[in-house]
Amino acid sequence: MHLLDLLLSLSPTSFSNFGQLIARLKEKKAINSWNYKVIATSEKQENDKGKYYVAKFQLLEELPKEKQDELTILSQKYTPVLDKKE
């Protein structure tokens, strides 16, 4: 059971760490992003222009096969919801 579904909107200039995560997944030839444990954290920052948050993504170890299979089933369940054109 999961407690929360959340989509995070980021501005185009905020994709540095996300791009690094995708590059590491490509290096590992990951077929599905959920094959690996990923930790996403946010940190509040402040500069002359104001306050903002930085998203940090960490790619950790590959998940066990049974967990990957479970997540594949969940992905198939939610794909129609995430592919909406509305």
N, C-alpha and C. Protein backbone atom coordinates (compact mmCIF):
# COMPACT_ATOMS: atom_id res chain seq x y z
N MET A 1 0.84 -1.18 0.00
CA MET A 1 0.00 0.00 0.00
C MET A 1 0.88 1.24 0.00
N HIS A 2 0.52 2.21 -0.80
CA HIS A 2 1.27 3.46 -0.79
C HIS A 2 0.37 4.56 -0.23
N LEU A 3 0.98 5.56 0.32
CA LEU A 3 0.23 6.60 1.01
C LEU A 3 0.00 7.84 0.18
N LEU A 4 0.81 8.05 -0.86
CA LEU A 4 0.73 9.32 -1.56
C LEU A 4 1.21 9.18 -3.00
N ASP A 5 0.46 9.75 -3.92
CA ASP A 5 0.90 9.90 -5.30
C ASP A 5 1.14 11.39 -5.50
N LEU A 6 2.30 11.74 -5.99
CA LEU A 6 2.63 13.15 -6.11
C LEU A 6 3.41 13.40 -7.39
N LEU A 7 2.98 14.39 -8.15
CA LEU A 7 3.74 14.83 -9.31
C LEU A 7 4.42 16.13 -8.94
N LEU A 8 5.69 16.24 -9.24
CA LEU A 8 6.47 17.41 -8.89
C LEU A 8 6.75 18.22 -10.14
N SER A 9 6.28 19.45 -10.18
CA SER A 9 6.55 20.33 -11.32
C SER A 9 7.84 21.09 -11.06
N LEU A 10 8.72 21.07 -12.03
CA LEU A 10 9.99 21.79 -11.92
C LEU A 10 10.15 22.70 -13.12
N SER A 11 10.75 23.86 -12.91
CA SER A 11 11.00 24.75 -14.03
C SER A 11 12.11 24.15 -14.90
N PRO A 12 12.17 24.53 -16.19
CA PRO A 12 13.19 23.97 -17.08
C PRO A 12 14.63 24.19 -16.60
N THR A 13 14.86 25.22 -15.80
CA THR A 13 16.21 25.48 -15.31
C THR A 13 16.54 24.66 -14.06
N SER A 14 15.59 23.84 -13.60
CA SER A 14 15.77 23.09 -12.36
C SER A 14 16.06 21.62 -12.59
N PHE A 15 16.52 21.23 -13.76
CA PHE A 15 16.65 19.82 -14.08
C PHE A 15 18.07 19.27 -13.98
N SER A 16 18.99 19.99 -13.42
CA SER A 16 20.37 19.53 -13.37
C SER A 16 20.51 18.18 -12.67
N ASN A 17 20.06 18.06 -11.42
CA ASN A 17 20.17 16.80 -10.69
C ASN A 17 19.32 15.71 -11.31
N PHE A 18 18.13 16.07 -11.80
CA PHE A 18 17.28 15.09 -12.45
C PHE A 18 17.96 14.55 -13.71
N GLY A 19 18.60 15.43 -14.47
CA GLY A 19 19.34 15.01 -15.66
C GLY A 19 20.49 14.07 -15.31
N GLN A 20 21.16 14.32 -14.19
CA GLN A 20 22.23 13.44 -13.74
C GLN A 20 21.69 12.07 -13.37
N LEU A 21 20.51 12.05 -12.75
CA LEU A 21 19.87 10.78 -12.41
C LEU A 21 19.56 9.99 -13.67
N ILE A 22 18.98 10.62 -14.65
CA ILE A 22 18.65 9.95 -15.91
C ILE A 22 19.92 9.45 -16.60
N ALA A 23 20.99 10.24 -16.59
CA ALA A 23 22.25 9.81 -17.19
C ALA A 23 22.80 8.56 -16.49
N ARG A 24 22.70 8.51 -15.17
CA ARG A 24 23.19 7.32 -14.44
C ARG A 24 22.33 6.10 -14.73
N LEU A 25 21.02 6.29 -14.88
CA LEU A 25 20.15 5.18 -15.25
C LEU A 25 20.52 4.66 -16.65
N LYS A 26 20.82 5.57 -17.56
CA LYS A 26 21.23 5.16 -18.92
C LYS A 26 22.56 4.43 -18.88
N GLU A 27 23.49 4.90 -18.06
CA GLU A 27 24.79 4.22 -17.92
C GLU A 27 24.62 2.78 -17.47
N LYS A 28 23.66 2.57 -16.57
CA LYS A 28 23.42 1.23 -16.04
C LYS A 28 22.49 0.41 -16.94
N LYS A 29 22.09 1.03 -18.06
CA LYS A 29 21.19 0.38 -19.02
C LYS A 29 19.92 -0.12 -18.33
N ALA A 30 19.37 0.71 -17.46
CA ALA A 30 18.14 0.38 -16.73
C ALA A 30 16.96 0.41 -17.69
N ILE A 31 16.27 -0.69 -17.79
CA ILE A 31 15.08 -0.76 -18.65
C ILE A 31 13.96 0.06 -18.02
N ASN A 32 13.80 -0.04 -16.71
CA ASN A 32 12.79 0.70 -15.96
C ASN A 32 13.46 1.49 -14.85
N SER A 33 13.02 2.71 -14.63
CA SER A 33 13.63 3.53 -13.58
C SER A 33 13.40 2.93 -12.20
N TRP A 34 12.34 2.16 -12.03
CA TRP A 34 12.05 1.57 -10.72
C TRP A 34 12.87 0.33 -10.42
N ASN A 35 13.79 -0.03 -11.27
CA ASN A 35 14.69 -1.15 -10.97
C ASN A 35 15.70 -0.80 -9.88
N TYR A 36 15.84 0.49 -9.60
CA TYR A 36 16.82 0.96 -8.63
C TYR A 36 16.14 1.76 -7.52
N LYS A 37 16.73 1.70 -6.35
CA LYS A 37 16.26 2.52 -5.25
C LYS A 37 16.71 3.95 -5.53
N VAL A 38 15.77 4.88 -5.48
CA VAL A 38 16.06 6.29 -5.71
C VAL A 38 15.56 7.08 -4.51
N ILE A 39 16.39 7.96 -4.03
CA ILE A 39 15.99 8.85 -2.94
C ILE A 39 15.91 10.26 -3.52
N ALA A 40 14.77 10.90 -3.31
CA ALA A 40 14.59 12.28 -3.73
C ALA A 40 14.38 13.13 -2.49
N THR A 41 15.16 14.17 -2.36
CA THR A 41 15.03 15.08 -1.22
C THR A 41 14.95 16.51 -1.74
N SER A 42 14.44 17.38 -0.92
CA SER A 42 14.41 18.80 -1.29
C SER A 42 15.06 19.60 -0.17
N GLU A 43 15.67 20.69 -0.57
CA GLU A 43 16.35 21.54 0.41
C GLU A 43 16.01 22.99 0.11
N LYS A 44 15.58 23.69 1.13
CA LYS A 44 15.24 25.10 0.97
C LYS A 44 16.51 25.93 0.86
N GLN A 45 16.57 26.77 -0.15
CA GLN A 45 17.71 27.64 -0.39
C GLN A 45 17.23 29.09 -0.39
N GLU A 46 18.16 30.01 -0.26
CA GLU A 46 17.81 31.42 -0.30
C GLU A 46 18.97 32.20 -0.92
N ASN A 47 18.62 33.16 -1.78
CA ASN A 47 19.62 34.05 -2.34
C ASN A 47 19.02 35.45 -2.47
N ASP A 48 19.68 36.34 -3.20
CA ASP A 48 19.20 37.72 -3.33
C ASP A 48 17.81 37.81 -3.97
N LYS A 49 17.47 36.84 -4.80
CA LYS A 49 16.19 36.86 -5.52
C LYS A 49 15.05 36.27 -4.70
N GLY A 50 15.35 35.56 -3.62
CA GLY A 50 14.31 34.99 -2.79
C GLY A 50 14.60 33.57 -2.36
N LYS A 51 13.55 32.90 -1.92
CA LYS A 51 13.67 31.53 -1.43
C LYS A 51 13.22 30.57 -2.51
N TYR A 52 13.84 29.39 -2.54
CA TYR A 52 13.48 28.36 -3.52
C TYR A 52 13.93 27.01 -2.97
N TYR A 53 13.48 25.97 -3.62
CA TYR A 53 13.86 24.61 -3.22
C TYR A 53 14.70 23.95 -4.29
N VAL A 54 15.66 23.14 -3.86
CA VAL A 54 16.50 22.36 -4.76
C VAL A 54 16.11 20.89 -4.56
N ALA A 55 15.84 20.19 -5.67
CA ALA A 55 15.54 18.76 -5.59
C ALA A 55 16.82 17.99 -5.86
N LYS A 56 17.11 17.02 -4.99
CA LYS A 56 18.32 16.20 -5.13
C LYS A 56 17.88 14.75 -5.31
N PHE A 57 18.39 14.08 -6.33
CA PHE A 57 18.07 12.70 -6.61
C PHE A 57 19.33 11.85 -6.44
N GLN A 58 19.19 10.73 -5.73
CA GLN A 58 20.31 9.82 -5.53
C GLN A 58 19.91 8.43 -6.04
N LEU A 59 20.73 7.86 -6.89
CA LEU A 59 20.51 6.51 -7.39
C LEU A 59 21.32 5.56 -6.54
N LEU A 60 20.62 4.59 -5.91
CA LEU A 60 21.28 3.65 -5.02
C LEU A 60 21.28 2.26 -5.65
N GLU A 61 21.23 1.23 -4.83
CA GLU A 61 21.37 -0.14 -5.33
C GLU A 61 20.16 -0.59 -6.14
N GLU A 62 20.39 -1.62 -6.95
CA GLU A 62 19.31 -2.22 -7.73
C GLU A 62 18.40 -2.99 -6.77
N LEU A 63 17.09 -2.88 -7.00
CA LEU A 63 16.12 -3.57 -6.16
C LEU A 63 16.08 -5.06 -6.50
N PRO A 64 15.64 -5.90 -5.54
CA PRO A 64 15.49 -7.33 -5.82
C PRO A 64 14.44 -7.56 -6.92
N LYS A 65 14.59 -8.64 -7.66
CA LYS A 65 13.72 -8.94 -8.80
C LYS A 65 12.24 -8.93 -8.41
N GLU A 66 11.88 -9.50 -7.26
CA GLU A 66 10.47 -9.54 -6.87
C GLU A 66 9.90 -8.15 -6.64
N LYS A 67 10.71 -7.24 -6.10
CA LYS A 67 10.27 -5.86 -5.90
C LYS A 67 10.12 -5.16 -7.25
N GLN A 68 11.03 -5.42 -8.18
CA GLN A 68 10.93 -4.84 -9.51
C GLN A 68 9.63 -5.29 -10.19
N ASP A 69 9.30 -6.56 -10.04
CA ASP A 69 8.07 -7.10 -10.64
C ASP A 69 6.84 -6.42 -10.03
N GLU A 70 6.85 -6.23 -8.73
CA GLU A 70 5.74 -5.56 -8.04
C GLU A 70 5.57 -4.13 -8.55
N LEU A 71 6.68 -3.44 -8.72
CA LEU A 71 6.62 -2.06 -9.19
C LEU A 71 6.21 -1.98 -10.66
N THR A 72 6.56 -2.99 -11.44
CA THR A 72 6.12 -3.04 -12.84
C THR A 72 4.60 -3.12 -12.91
N ILE A 73 4.00 -3.94 -12.05
CA ILE A 73 2.54 -4.07 -12.00
C ILE A 73 1.90 -2.73 -11.62
N LEU A 74 2.48 -2.04 -10.62
CA LEU A 74 1.96 -0.72 -10.24
C LEU A 74 2.09 0.29 -11.38
N SER A 75 3.19 0.23 -12.09
CA SER A 75 3.39 1.13 -13.23
C SER A 75 2.31 0.92 -14.28
N GLN A 76 2.01 -0.32 -14.57
CA GLN A 76 0.97 -0.63 -15.56
C GLN A 76 -0.39 -0.14 -15.08
N LYS A 77 -0.62 -0.20 -13.78
CA LYS A 77 -1.89 0.27 -13.22
C LYS A 77 -2.03 1.78 -13.37
N TYR A 78 -0.95 2.54 -13.14
CA TYR A 78 -1.04 3.99 -13.14
C TYR A 78 -0.70 4.64 -14.48
N THR A 79 -0.20 3.91 -15.44
CA THR A 79 0.14 4.48 -16.74
C THR A 79 -1.04 5.19 -17.39
N PRO A 80 -2.24 4.58 -17.41
CA PRO A 80 -3.37 5.30 -18.01
C PRO A 80 -3.69 6.62 -17.31
N VAL A 81 -3.49 6.69 -16.00
CA VAL A 81 -3.76 7.92 -15.25
C VAL A 81 -2.75 8.99 -15.64
N LEU A 82 -1.47 8.63 -15.75
CA LEU A 82 -0.42 9.60 -16.03
C LEU A 82 -0.38 10.01 -17.50
N ASP A 83 -0.96 9.22 -18.39
CA ASP A 83 -0.95 9.53 -19.82
C ASP A 83 -2.15 10.37 -20.26
N LYS A 84 -2.94 10.89 -19.35
CA LYS A 84 -4.10 11.69 -19.70
C LYS A 84 -3.68 12.94 -20.46
N LYS A 85 -4.48 13.33 -21.40
CA LYS A 85 -4.21 14.54 -22.20
C LYS A 85 -4.90 15.76 -21.63
N GLU A 86 -5.75 15.56 -20.59
CA GLU A 86 -6.52 16.66 -20.01
C GLU A 86 -5.65 17.66 -19.30
